[in-house]
Amino acid sequence: MMTGYPGQQAGVRYPSLGSLMAKELGSDDSDLPNFISLSPFRMVDAGFLGPNYAPLTVSGASDDPNTRANLALEDLAPPRDRGEKALQSQFDILRFMEREFDKNDKADAVKAHRASYAKAMRMVESQGRKAFQLDEEPAELRDAYGRNRFGQGCLLARRLVERGVAFVEVTLSGAPGNVAGWDTHADNFNQVKALSQVLDPAWATLMKDLRDRGLLESTLVIWMGEFGRTPKINPNGGRDHFPLAWSVALGGAGIRGGQAIGKTSPDAMTVADRPVSVADLYATICAALGVDYKKENISPEGRPIPLVDRGGAPIKELVG
């Protein structure tokens, strides 16, 4: 689900969806990274696309209601004992050294390293870092999103989208009273209830906030997990892993909403009508964002790798 491809086939390190979209939709001149992840951990990265398209990860605040704090981007502000002028002098020295080094080394890894440093310096020097200052938002709006990592992450995502960030990932991996996240092998119903109390207000407020600001028609909101859960309840009151049938929600970016595509059998064990593959989902995401889903990237070995696994096609009920 994170790459659109099943595993690491033939030794290929497939890039994540965020890295793919950062490459297709991002800008090299932006003061902010093109892919920002608000996730406590990462399972996939930019793969063969390289570090230029890797995400900037924002650390999350605790979900403990007694210790909730702002999301933080580490080392964005200069050290307290060093002013802006001193920091600028250090940046100038680094740029000079990079120019000298670049005269003798043209390797792709060196170029990617230099580009990452350049973007980090631009972010510190520019007004782009203000995107992370959630205290600029009205308290009522922050409350509506939810004063927790996921809720404030969705608010930060809106601020980043406003400033042109191509792809923002926000994960909900836990909630107060829930330590397992969506991996509900035990006590499923109470766990899902706790997660939903975090998810629902944040998701609803994000959609409304984007719409009110005129951003929803140009922004695709995707809600998905890695797989479904078994329809049958296990002896621990939980649901186990189930990759045969589950749901994904899409909204914005011209998606024709208000409908459910496909259905399961009465016992929910199989897809009975209108199955949709992961490749179909990725093709639909590309189509909604104006990306050619048949496009190919070239791996370092010279192998053409399609953005979307072969056989995928946009879901015609959702996009034109």
C-alpha atoms as a PDB file:
ATOM      1  CA  MET A   1       0.000   0.000   0.000  1.00  0.00           C
ATOM      2  CA  MET A   2       2.915   2.358   0.613  1.00  0.00           C
ATOM      3  CA  THR A   3       4.608   1.777  -2.751  1.00  0.00           C
ATOM      4  CA  GLY A   4       1.957   0.244  -5.009  1.00  0.00           C
ATOM      5  CA  TYR A   5       4.143  -2.821  -5.512  1.00  0.00           C
ATOM      6  CA  PRO A   6       4.149  -6.173  -3.668  1.00  0.00           C
ATOM      7  CA  GLY A   7       7.324  -6.336  -1.606  1.00  0.00           C
ATOM      8  CA  GLN A   8      10.848  -5.877  -2.927  1.00  0.00           C
ATOM      9  CA  GLN A   9      10.525  -7.682  -6.237  1.00  0.00           C
ATOM     10  CA  ALA A  10      13.776  -8.588  -8.002  1.00  0.00           C
ATOM     11  CA  GLY A  11      15.745  -6.576  -5.465  1.00  0.00           C
ATOM     12  CA  VAL A  12      14.108  -3.269  -6.411  1.00  0.00           C
ATOM     13  CA  ARG A  13      13.677  -0.722  -3.597  1.00  0.00           C
ATOM     14  CA  TYR A  14      10.402   0.847  -4.666  1.00  0.00           C
ATOM     15  CA  PRO A  15       9.777   4.461  -3.630  1.00  0.00           C
ATOM     16  CA  SER A  16       6.841   5.357  -1.421  1.00  0.00           C
ATOM     17  CA  LEU A  17       3.774   7.118  -2.796  1.00  0.00           C
ATOM     18  CA  GLY A  18       4.925  10.343  -1.149  1.00  0.00           C
ATOM     19  CA  SER A  19       8.308  10.191  -2.864  1.00  0.00           C
ATOM     20  CA  LEU A  20       6.690   9.472  -6.231  1.00  0.00           C
ATOM     21  CA  MET A  21       4.374  12.467  -5.900  1.00  0.00           C
ATOM     22  CA  ALA A  22       7.183  14.686  -4.606  1.00  0.00           C
ATOM     23  CA  LYS A  23       9.082  13.948  -7.808  1.00  0.00           C
ATOM     24  CA  GLU A  24       6.065  14.528 -10.053  1.00  0.00           C
ATOM     25  CA  LEU A  25       4.455  17.505  -8.325  1.00  0.00           C
ATOM     26  CA  GLY A  26       7.195  19.116  -6.262  1.00  0.00           C
ATOM     27  CA  SER A  27       9.366  22.121  -6.998  1.00  0.00           C
ATOM     28  CA  ASP A  28      13.149  22.240  -6.749  1.00  0.00           C
ATOM     29  CA  ASP A  29      12.942  25.922  -5.817  1.00  0.00           C
ATOM     30  CA  SER A  30      10.543  25.553  -2.898  1.00  0.00           C
ATOM     31  CA  ASP A  31      11.660  26.748   0.528  1.00  0.00           C
ATOM     32  CA  LEU A  32       9.976  23.695   2.028  1.00  0.00           C
ATOM     33  CA  PRO A  33      10.575  20.002   1.278  1.00  0.00           C
ATOM     34  CA  ASN A  34       8.205  18.485  -1.262  1.00  0.00           C
ATOM     35  CA  PHE A  35       7.394  15.512   0.995  1.00  0.00           C
ATOM     36  CA  ILE A  36       6.839  15.948   4.721  1.00  0.00           C
ATOM     37  CA  SER A  37       5.904  13.041   6.972  1.00  0.00           C
ATOM     38  CA  LEU A  38       4.243  13.355  10.357  1.00  0.00           C
ATOM     39  CA  SER A  39       4.825   9.758  11.293  1.00  0.00           C
ATOM     40  CA  PRO A  40       6.507   8.293  14.382  1.00  0.00           C
ATOM     41  CA  PHE A  41       8.203   5.625  12.259  1.00  0.00           C
ATOM     42  CA  ARG A  42       8.857   4.826   8.611  1.00  0.00           C
ATOM     43  CA  MET A  43       8.472   1.513   6.806  1.00  0.00           C
ATOM     44  CA  VAL A  44       9.502   2.675   3.315  1.00  0.00           C
ATOM     45  CA  ASP A  45      11.482   5.581   1.934  1.00  0.00           C
ATOM     46  CA  ALA A  46      12.384   7.140  -1.404  1.00  0.00           C
ATOM     47  CA  GLY A  47      13.786   3.845  -2.657  1.00  0.00           C
ATOM     48  CA  PHE A  48      15.714   4.020  -5.902  1.00  0.00           C
ATOM     49  CA  LEU A  49      14.650   7.663  -6.419  1.00  0.00           C
ATOM     50  CA  GLY A  50      17.264   8.649  -3.853  1.00  0.00           C
ATOM     51  CA  PRO A  51      17.422  11.098  -0.938  1.00  0.00           C
ATOM     52  CA  ASN A  52      16.240  14.092  -2.979  1.00  0.00           C
ATOM     53  CA  TYR A  53      12.733  12.668  -2.669  1.00  0.00           C
ATOM     54  CA  ALA A  54      12.938  11.337   0.876  1.00  0.00           C
ATOM     55  CA  PRO A  55      10.540  12.852   3.415  1.00  0.00           C
ATOM     56  CA  LEU A  56      11.338  15.399   6.054  1.00  0.00           C
ATOM     57  CA  THR A  57      10.047  13.787   9.243  1.00  0.00           C
ATOM     58  CA  VAL A  58       8.364  15.921  11.899  1.00  0.00           C
ATOM     59  CA  SER A  59       8.552  14.564  15.434  1.00  0.00           C
ATOM     60  CA  GLY A  60       5.250  14.084  17.182  1.00  0.00           C
ATOM     61  CA  ALA A  61       4.086  15.327  20.532  1.00  0.00           C
ATOM     62  CA  SER A  62       2.897  12.882  23.131  1.00  0.00           C
ATOM     63  CA  ASP A  63      -0.723  11.781  23.037  1.00  0.00           C
ATOM     64  CA  ASP A  64      -0.787  11.756  26.825  1.00  0.00           C
ATOM     65  CA  PRO A  65      -3.506  14.330  27.655  1.00  0.00           C
ATOM     66  CA  ASN A  66      -1.335  15.671  30.480  1.00  0.00           C
ATOM     67  CA  THR A  67       1.721  16.322  28.287  1.00  0.00           C
ATOM     68  CA  ARG A  68       0.345  17.425  24.939  1.00  0.00           C
ATOM     69  CA  ALA A  69       2.631  19.855  23.172  1.00  0.00           C
ATOM     70  CA  ASN A  70       3.180  21.244  19.703  1.00  0.00           C
ATOM     71  CA  LEU A  71       4.539  19.137  16.919  1.00  0.00           C
ATOM     72  CA  ALA A  72       8.193  20.013  16.503  1.00  0.00           C
ATOM     73  CA  LEU A  73      10.694  20.219  13.699  1.00  0.00           C
ATOM     74  CA  GLU A  74      14.046  19.751  15.355  1.00  0.00           C
ATOM     75  CA  ASP A  75      16.895  22.239  14.819  1.00  0.00           C
ATOM     76  CA  LEU A  76      14.793  24.623  12.731  1.00  0.00           C
ATOM     77  CA  ALA A  77      15.642  27.640  14.873  1.00  0.00           C
ATOM     78  CA  PRO A  78      19.254  28.748  15.459  1.00  0.00           C
ATOM     79  CA  PRO A  79      20.849  27.880  18.822  1.00  0.00           C
ATOM     80  CA  ARG A  80      20.087  30.459  21.489  1.00  0.00           C
ATOM     81  CA  ASP A  81      23.741  31.448  21.788  1.00  0.00           C
ATOM     82  CA  ARG A  82      24.104  32.043  18.051  1.00  0.00           C
ATOM     83  CA  GLY A  83      22.434  34.879  16.188  1.00  0.00           C
ATOM     84  CA  GLU A  84      21.122  34.952  12.645  1.00  0.00           C
ATOM     85  CA  LYS A  85      24.285  36.692  11.374  1.00  0.00           C
ATOM     86  CA  ALA A  86      26.589  34.036  12.836  1.00  0.00           C
ATOM     87  CA  LEU A  87      24.440  31.275  11.387  1.00  0.00           C
ATOM     88  CA  GLN A  88      24.488  32.946   7.973  1.00  0.00           C
ATOM     89  CA  SER A  89      28.294  33.094   8.105  1.00  0.00           C
ATOM     90  CA  GLN A  90      28.420  29.357   8.771  1.00  0.00           C
ATOM     91  CA  PHE A  91      26.081  28.698   5.857  1.00  0.00           C
ATOM     92  CA  ASP A  92      28.283  30.829   3.592  1.00  0.00           C
ATOM     93  CA  ILE A  93      31.368  28.835   4.601  1.00  0.00           C
ATOM     94  CA  LEU A  94      29.561  25.564   3.924  1.00  0.00           C
ATOM     95  CA  ARG A  95      28.407  26.770   0.512  1.00  0.00           C
ATOM     96  CA  PHE A  96      31.975  27.786  -0.383  1.00  0.00           C
ATOM     97  CA  MET A  97      33.310  24.370   0.632  1.00  0.00           C
ATOM     98  CA  GLU A  98      30.553  22.636  -1.328  1.00  0.00           C
ATOM     99  CA  ARG A  99      31.433  24.592  -4.465  1.00  0.00           C
ATOM    100  CA  GLU A 100      35.090  23.597  -4.188  1.00  0.00           C
ATOM    101  CA  PHE A 101      34.196  19.960  -3.546  1.00  0.00           C
ATOM    102  CA  ASP A 102      31.755  19.925  -6.457  1.00  0.00           C
ATOM    103  CA  LYS A 103      34.525  20.755  -8.923  1.00  0.00           C
ATOM    104  CA  ASN A 104      36.034  17.303  -8.449  1.00  0.00           C
ATOM    105  CA  ASP A 105      33.107  15.031  -7.577  1.00  0.00           C
ATOM    106  CA  LYS A 106      29.990  14.723  -9.737  1.00  0.00           C
ATOM    107  CA  ALA A 107      28.547  11.542  -8.202  1.00  0.00           C
ATOM    108  CA  ASP A 108      24.758  11.404  -7.863  1.00  0.00           C
ATOM    109  CA  ALA A 109      25.014  10.654  -4.136  1.00  0.00           C
ATOM    110  CA  VAL A 110      27.089  13.797  -3.617  1.00  0.00           C
ATOM    111  CA  LYS A 111      24.628  15.887  -5.622  1.00  0.00           C
ATOM    112  CA  ALA A 112      21.708  14.531  -3.600  1.00  0.00           C
ATOM    113  CA  HIS A 113      23.508  15.237  -0.317  1.00  0.00           C
ATOM    114  CA  ARG A 114      24.286  18.787  -1.398  1.00  0.00           C
ATOM    115  CA  ALA A 115      20.714  19.394  -2.573  1.00  0.00           C
ATOM    116  CA  SER A 116      19.346  18.207   0.782  1.00  0.00           C
ATOM    117  CA  TYR A 117      21.635  20.569   2.674  1.00  0.00           C
ATOM    118  CA  ALA A 118      20.745  23.448   0.366  1.00  0.00           C
ATOM    119  CA  LYS A 119      17.026  22.939   0.941  1.00  0.00           C
ATOM    120  CA  ALA A 120      17.542  22.681   4.712  1.00  0.00           C
ATOM    121  CA  MET A 121      19.463  25.957   4.709  1.00  0.00           C
ATOM    122  CA  ARG A 122      16.803  27.676   2.603  1.00  0.00           C
ATOM    123  CA  MET A 123      14.133  26.552   5.032  1.00  0.00           C
ATOM    124  CA  VAL A 124      16.010  27.997   8.015  1.00  0.00           C
ATOM    125  CA  GLU A 125      16.783  31.242   6.188  1.00  0.00           C
ATOM    126  CA  SER A 126      13.344  31.786   4.669  1.00  0.00           C
ATOM    127  CA  GLN A 127       9.833  32.335   5.983  1.00  0.00           C
ATOM    128  CA  GLY A 128       9.017  28.712   5.167  1.00  0.00           C
ATOM    129  CA  ARG A 129       9.712  27.666   8.724  1.00  0.00           C
ATOM    130  CA  LYS A 130       6.688  29.676   9.868  1.00  0.00           C
ATOM    131  CA  ALA A 131       4.518  26.900   8.447  1.00  0.00           C
ATOM    132  CA  PHE A 132       5.357  24.880  11.550  1.00  0.00           C
ATOM    133  CA  GLN A 133       4.212  27.552  14.015  1.00  0.00           C
ATOM    134  CA  LEU A 134       0.816  26.179  14.949  1.00  0.00           C
ATOM    135  CA  ASP A 135       0.368  28.802  17.640  1.00  0.00           C
ATOM    136  CA  GLU A 136      -0.526  31.223  14.831  1.00  0.00           C
ATOM    137  CA  GLU A 137      -3.829  29.352  14.443  1.00  0.00           C
ATOM    138  CA  PRO A 138      -6.966  30.268  16.455  1.00  0.00           C
ATOM    139  CA  ALA A 139      -7.360  28.193  19.603  1.00  0.00           C
ATOM    140  CA  GLU A 140     -10.881  27.223  18.524  1.00  0.00           C
ATOM    141  CA  LEU A 141      -9.599  25.730  15.283  1.00  0.00           C
ATOM    142  CA  ARG A 142      -6.839  23.820  17.045  1.00  0.00           C
ATOM    143  CA  ASP A 143      -9.439  22.453  19.454  1.00  0.00           C
ATOM    144  CA  ALA A 144     -11.646  21.389  16.538  1.00  0.00           C
ATOM    145  CA  TYR A 145      -8.813  19.392  14.997  1.00  0.00           C
ATOM    146  CA  GLY A 146      -8.055  17.805  18.359  1.00  0.00           C
ATOM    147  CA  ARG A 147      -5.215  18.598  20.749  1.00  0.00           C
ATOM    148  CA  ASN A 148      -3.309  15.422  19.971  1.00  0.00           C
ATOM    149  CA  ARG A 149      -0.560  14.377  17.590  1.00  0.00           C
ATOM    150  CA  PHE A 150      -2.896  13.328  14.788  1.00  0.00           C
ATOM    151  CA  GLY A 151      -5.236  16.294  15.073  1.00  0.00           C
ATOM    152  CA  GLN A 152      -2.452  18.855  15.177  1.00  0.00           C
ATOM    153  CA  GLY A 153      -0.729  16.910  12.411  1.00  0.00           C
ATOM    154  CA  CYS A 154      -3.759  17.372  10.165  1.00  0.00           C
ATOM    155  CA  LEU A 155      -3.736  21.094  10.945  1.00  0.00           C
ATOM    156  CA  LEU A 156      -0.041  21.280  10.100  1.00  0.00           C
ATOM    157  CA  ALA A 157      -0.767  19.377   6.881  1.00  0.00           C
ATOM    158  CA  ARG A 158      -3.219  22.090   5.864  1.00  0.00           C
ATOM    159  CA  ARG A 159      -0.631  24.787   6.578  1.00  0.00           C
ATOM    160  CA  LEU A 160       1.951  22.925   4.514  1.00  0.00           C
ATOM    161  CA  VAL A 161      -0.416  22.388   1.588  1.00  0.00           C
ATOM    162  CA  GLU A 162      -1.200  26.120   1.654  1.00  0.00           C
ATOM    163  CA  ARG A 163       2.500  26.763   1.176  1.00  0.00           C
ATOM    164  CA  GLY A 164       2.866  24.409  -1.760  1.00  0.00           C
ATOM    165  CA  VAL A 165       4.168  21.187  -0.208  1.00  0.00           C
ATOM    166  CA  ALA A 166       3.350  18.445  -2.715  1.00  0.00           C
ATOM    167  CA  PHE A 167       2.697  15.534  -0.336  1.00  0.00           C
ATOM    168  CA  VAL A 168       2.039  15.392   3.401  1.00  0.00           C
ATOM    169  CA  GLU A 169       1.683  12.134   5.321  1.00  0.00           C
ATOM    170  CA  VAL A 170      -0.022  12.041   8.727  1.00  0.00           C
ATOM    171  CA  THR A 171      -0.333   8.739  10.573  1.00  0.00           C
ATOM    172  CA  LEU A 172      -2.638   7.728  13.396  1.00  0.00           C
ATOM    173  CA  SER A 173      -0.825   4.928  15.153  1.00  0.00           C
ATOM    174  CA  GLY A 174      -2.183   5.318  18.641  1.00  0.00           C
ATOM    175  CA  ALA A 175      -4.554   7.227  20.886  1.00  0.00           C
ATOM    176  CA  PRO A 176      -5.024   7.816  24.634  1.00  0.00           C
ATOM    177  CA  GLY A 177      -5.769   4.400  26.090  1.00  0.00           C
ATOM    178  CA  ASN A 178      -4.621   2.675  22.892  1.00  0.00           C
ATOM    179  CA  VAL A 179      -1.062   1.419  22.528  1.00  0.00           C
ATOM    180  CA  ALA A 180      -1.431  -0.985  19.595  1.00  0.00           C
ATOM    181  CA  GLY A 181      -2.850   1.435  17.055  1.00  0.00           C
ATOM    182  CA  TRP A 182      -4.972  -0.268  14.415  1.00  0.00           C
ATOM    183  CA  ASP A 183      -3.295  -3.633  15.029  1.00  0.00           C
ATOM    184  CA  THR A 184      -6.286  -4.737  17.074  1.00  0.00           C
ATOM    185  CA  HIS A 185      -5.602  -8.417  17.718  1.00  0.00           C
ATOM    186  CA  ALA A 186      -7.251  -7.933  21.116  1.00  0.00           C
ATOM    187  CA  ASP A 187     -10.030  -5.720  22.483  1.00  0.00           C
ATOM    188  CA  ASN A 188     -10.852  -4.501  18.969  1.00  0.00           C
ATOM    189  CA  PHE A 189     -14.023  -2.574  19.726  1.00  0.00           C
ATOM    190  CA  ASN A 190     -12.648  -0.429  22.538  1.00  0.00           C
ATOM    191  CA  GLN A 191      -9.421   0.162  20.600  1.00  0.00           C
ATOM    192  CA  VAL A 192     -11.251   1.280  17.451  1.00  0.00           C
ATOM    193  CA  LYS A 193     -13.550   3.507  19.509  1.00  0.00           C
ATOM    194  CA  ALA A 194     -10.544   5.294  21.038  1.00  0.00           C
ATOM    195  CA  LEU A 195      -8.903   5.720  17.636  1.00  0.00           C
ATOM    196  CA  SER A 196     -12.118   6.959  16.033  1.00  0.00           C
ATOM    197  CA  GLN A 197     -12.507   9.655  18.670  1.00  0.00           C
ATOM    198  CA  VAL A 198      -9.167  11.037  17.460  1.00  0.00           C
ATOM    199  CA  LEU A 199      -9.696  10.368  13.754  1.00  0.00           C
ATOM    200  CA  ASP A 200     -13.213  11.689  13.206  1.00  0.00           C
ATOM    201  CA  PRO A 201     -12.860  15.316  14.374  1.00  0.00           C
ATOM    202  CA  ALA A 202      -9.439  15.737  12.769  1.00  0.00           C
ATOM    203  CA  TRP A 203     -10.476  14.328   9.410  1.00  0.00           C
ATOM    204  CA  ALA A 204     -13.780  16.208   9.300  1.00  0.00           C
ATOM    205  CA  THR A 205     -12.156  19.498  10.311  1.00  0.00           C
ATOM    206  CA  LEU A 206      -9.400  19.061   7.733  1.00  0.00           C
ATOM    207  CA  MET A 207     -11.928  18.571   4.924  1.00  0.00           C
ATOM    208  CA  LYS A 208     -13.952  21.595   6.039  1.00  0.00           C
ATOM    209  CA  ASP A 209     -10.854  23.740   6.526  1.00  0.00           C
ATOM    210  CA  LEU A 210      -9.551  22.895   3.058  1.00  0.00           C
ATOM    211  CA  ARG A 211     -12.954  23.615   1.527  1.00  0.00           C
ATOM    212  CA  ASP A 212     -13.347  26.933   3.356  1.00  0.00           C
ATOM    213  CA  ARG A 213      -9.942  28.051   2.069  1.00  0.00           C
ATOM    214  CA  GLY A 214     -10.610  27.001  -1.523  1.00  0.00           C
ATOM    215  CA  LEU A 215      -8.008  24.238  -1.374  1.00  0.00           C
ATOM    216  CA  LEU A 216     -10.126  21.093  -1.468  1.00  0.00           C
ATOM    217  CA  GLU A 217     -10.603  21.001  -5.239  1.00  0.00           C
ATOM    218  CA  SER A 218      -6.831  21.000  -5.746  1.00  0.00           C
ATOM    219  CA  THR A 219      -5.963  18.735  -2.807  1.00  0.00           C
ATOM    220  CA  LEU A 220      -6.485  14.972  -2.682  1.00  0.00           C
ATOM    221  CA  VAL A 221      -7.149  13.574   0.802  1.00  0.00           C
ATOM    222  CA  ILE A 222      -6.469   9.839   1.145  1.00  0.00           C
ATOM    223  CA  TRP A 223      -7.409   7.767   4.171  1.00  0.00           C
ATOM    224  CA  MET A 224      -6.025   4.231   4.067  1.00  0.00           C
ATOM    225  CA  GLY A 225      -4.295   1.533   6.066  1.00  0.00           C
ATOM    226  CA  GLU A 226      -2.000  -1.310   5.099  1.00  0.00           C
ATOM    227  CA  PHE A 227      -4.753  -3.973   5.005  1.00  0.00           C
ATOM    228  CA  GLY A 228      -8.083  -4.915   6.556  1.00  0.00           C
ATOM    229  CA  ARG A 229      -9.061  -6.853   9.648  1.00  0.00           C
ATOM    230  CA  THR A 230     -10.787 -10.222   9.800  1.00  0.00           C
ATOM    231  CA  PRO A 231     -14.608 -10.130   9.829  1.00  0.00           C
ATOM    232  CA  LYS A 232     -14.529 -12.883  12.456  1.00  0.00           C
ATOM    233  CA  ILE A 233     -13.694 -11.981  16.049  1.00  0.00           C
ATOM    234  CA  ASN A 234     -10.884 -13.995  17.639  1.00  0.00           C
ATOM    235  CA  PRO A 235     -11.004 -15.360  21.230  1.00  0.00           C
ATOM    236  CA  ASN A 236      -9.311 -12.174  22.511  1.00  0.00           C
ATOM    237  CA  GLY A 237     -12.083  -9.968  21.200  1.00  0.00           C
ATOM    238  CA  GLY A 238      -9.817  -8.793  18.411  1.00  0.00           C
ATOM    239  CA  ARG A 239      -9.575  -8.842  14.642  1.00  0.00           C
ATOM    240  CA  ASP A 240      -6.510 -10.226  12.879  1.00  0.00           C
ATOM    241  CA  HIS A 241      -4.760  -9.299   9.619  1.00  0.00           C
ATOM    242  CA  PHE A 242      -6.990  -9.622   6.548  1.00  0.00           C
ATOM    243  CA  PRO A 243      -5.667  -8.614   3.102  1.00  0.00           C
ATOM    244  CA  LEU A 244      -8.604  -9.962   1.076  1.00  0.00           C
ATOM    245  CA  ALA A 245     -11.082  -7.088   1.462  1.00  0.00           C
ATOM    246  CA  TRP A 246     -10.934  -3.621   2.993  1.00  0.00           C
ATOM    247  CA  SER A 247     -11.759   0.006   2.264  1.00  0.00           C
ATOM    248  CA  VAL A 248      -9.948   3.204   1.287  1.00  0.00           C
ATOM    249  CA  ALA A 249     -11.510   6.686   1.288  1.00  0.00           C
ATOM    250  CA  LEU A 250     -10.691   9.451  -1.199  1.00  0.00           C
ATOM    251  CA  GLY A 251     -11.911  13.044  -1.218  1.00  0.00           C
ATOM    252  CA  GLY A 252     -11.162  16.346  -2.892  1.00  0.00           C
ATOM    253  CA  ALA A 253      -9.256  16.949  -6.155  1.00  0.00           C
ATOM    254  CA  GLY A 254     -12.389  16.437  -8.224  1.00  0.00           C
ATOM    255  CA  ILE A 255     -13.161  12.987  -6.815  1.00  0.00           C
ATOM    256  CA  ARG A 256     -16.844  12.157  -7.272  1.00  0.00           C
ATOM    257  CA  GLY A 257     -17.769  11.562  -3.649  1.00  0.00           C
ATOM    258  CA  GLY A 258     -20.851  10.204  -1.954  1.00  0.00           C
ATOM    259  CA  GLN A 259     -20.498   6.665  -3.258  1.00  0.00           C
ATOM    260  CA  ALA A 260     -19.035   3.312  -2.303  1.00  0.00           C
ATOM    261  CA  ILE A 261     -17.313   1.385  -5.088  1.00  0.00           C
ATOM    262  CA  GLY A 262     -17.652  -2.393  -4.847  1.00  0.00           C
ATOM    263  CA  LYS A 263     -19.058  -4.636  -2.146  1.00  0.00           C
ATOM    264  CA  THR A 264     -18.167  -7.743  -0.195  1.00  0.00           C
ATOM    265  CA  SER A 265     -19.948 -11.058   0.198  1.00  0.00           C
ATOM    266  CA  PRO A 266     -22.536 -11.271   3.012  1.00  0.00           C
ATOM    267  CA  ASP A 267     -19.899 -12.692   5.377  1.00  0.00           C
ATOM    268  CA  ALA A 268     -17.374 -10.010   4.260  1.00  0.00           C
ATOM    269  CA  MET A 269     -14.780 -12.680   3.518  1.00  0.00           C
ATOM    270  CA  THR A 270     -14.391 -11.883  -0.191  1.00  0.00           C
ATOM    271  CA  VAL A 271     -14.968  -9.060  -2.652  1.00  0.00           C
ATOM    272  CA  ALA A 272     -18.197  -9.960  -4.424  1.00  0.00           C
ATOM    273  CA  ASP A 273     -18.561  -7.040  -6.832  1.00  0.00           C
ATOM    274  CA  ARG A 274     -16.337  -4.448  -8.525  1.00  0.00           C
ATOM    275  CA  PRO A 275     -12.941  -5.383  -7.064  1.00  0.00           C
ATOM    276  CA  VAL A 276     -10.314  -2.633  -7.023  1.00  0.00           C
ATOM    277  CA  SER A 277      -6.608  -3.481  -6.954  1.00  0.00           C
ATOM    278  CA  VAL A 278      -3.823  -1.502  -5.306  1.00  0.00           C
ATOM    279  CA  ALA A 279      -2.599  -0.626  -8.803  1.00  0.00           C
ATOM    280  CA  ASP A 280      -6.080   0.715  -9.637  1.00  0.00           C
ATOM    281  CA  LEU A 281      -5.971   2.868  -6.501  1.00  0.00           C
ATOM    282  CA  TYR A 282      -2.562   4.287  -7.429  1.00  0.00           C
ATOM    283  CA  ALA A 283      -3.715   4.981 -10.986  1.00  0.00           C
ATOM    284  CA  THR A 284      -6.741   6.818  -9.565  1.00  0.00           C
ATOM    285  CA  ILE A 285      -4.550   8.912  -7.266  1.00  0.00           C
ATOM    286  CA  CYS A 286      -2.359   9.850 -10.224  1.00  0.00           C
ATOM    287  CA  ALA A 287      -5.356  10.706 -12.407  1.00  0.00           C
ATOM    288  CA  ALA A 288      -6.898  12.921  -9.714  1.00  0.00           C
ATOM    289  CA  LEU A 289      -3.607  14.810  -9.346  1.00  0.00           C
ATOM    290  CA  GLY A 290      -2.959  15.183 -13.061  1.00  0.00           C
ATOM    291  CA  VAL A 291      -0.040  12.743 -13.127  1.00  0.00           C
ATOM    292  CA  ASP A 292       0.421  10.309 -16.023  1.00  0.00           C
ATOM    293  CA  TYR A 293       0.040   6.951 -14.308  1.00  0.00           C
ATOM    294  CA  LYS A 294       1.732   5.202 -17.254  1.00  0.00           C
ATOM    295  CA  LYS A 295       4.927   7.187 -16.774  1.00  0.00           C
ATOM    296  CA  GLU A 296       8.129   5.330 -15.914  1.00  0.00           C
ATOM    297  CA  ASN A 297      11.087   6.128 -13.681  1.00  0.00           C
ATOM    298  CA  ILE A 298      14.497   4.681 -14.481  1.00  0.00           C
ATOM    299  CA  SER A 299      16.250   2.794 -11.693  1.00  0.00           C
ATOM    300  CA  PRO A 300      20.021   3.188 -11.139  1.00  0.00           C
ATOM    301  CA  GLU A 301      20.452  -0.091 -13.026  1.00  0.00           C
ATOM    302  CA  GLY A 302      18.694   1.378 -16.051  1.00  0.00           C
ATOM    303  CA  ARG A 303      15.476  -0.549 -15.558  1.00  0.00           C
ATOM    304  CA  PRO A 304      12.201   1.254 -16.376  1.00  0.00           C
ATOM    305  CA  ILE A 305       9.830   1.134 -13.392  1.00  0.00           C
ATOM    306  CA  PRO A 306       6.249   2.366 -13.989  1.00  0.00           C
ATOM    307  CA  LEU A 307       4.757   4.706 -11.396  1.00  0.00           C
ATOM    308  CA  VAL A 308       1.826   2.284 -11.219  1.00  0.00           C
ATOM    309  CA  ASP A 309       2.195  -1.483 -11.358  1.00  0.00           C
ATOM    310  CA  ARG A 310       1.173  -2.860 -14.744  1.00  0.00           C
ATOM    311  CA  GLY A 311      -2.518  -3.635 -15.118  1.00  0.00           C
ATOM    312  CA  GLY A 312      -3.720  -0.742 -12.980  1.00  0.00           C
ATOM    313  CA  ALA A 313      -6.283   1.723 -14.326  1.00  0.00           C
ATOM    314  CA  PRO A 314      -8.125   4.707 -12.797  1.00  0.00           C
ATOM    315  CA  ILE A 315     -11.451   3.958 -11.101  1.00  0.00           C
ATOM    316  CA  LYS A 316     -13.803   5.440 -13.686  1.00  0.00           C
ATOM    317  CA  GLU A 317     -16.586   6.025 -11.165  1.00  0.00           C
ATOM    318  CA  LEU A 318     -14.341   8.443  -9.248  1.00  0.00           C
ATOM    319  CA  VAL A 319     -12.378  10.267 -11.936  1.00  0.00           C
ATOM    320  CA  GLY A 320     -13.101  11.190 -15.540  1.00  0.00           C
END
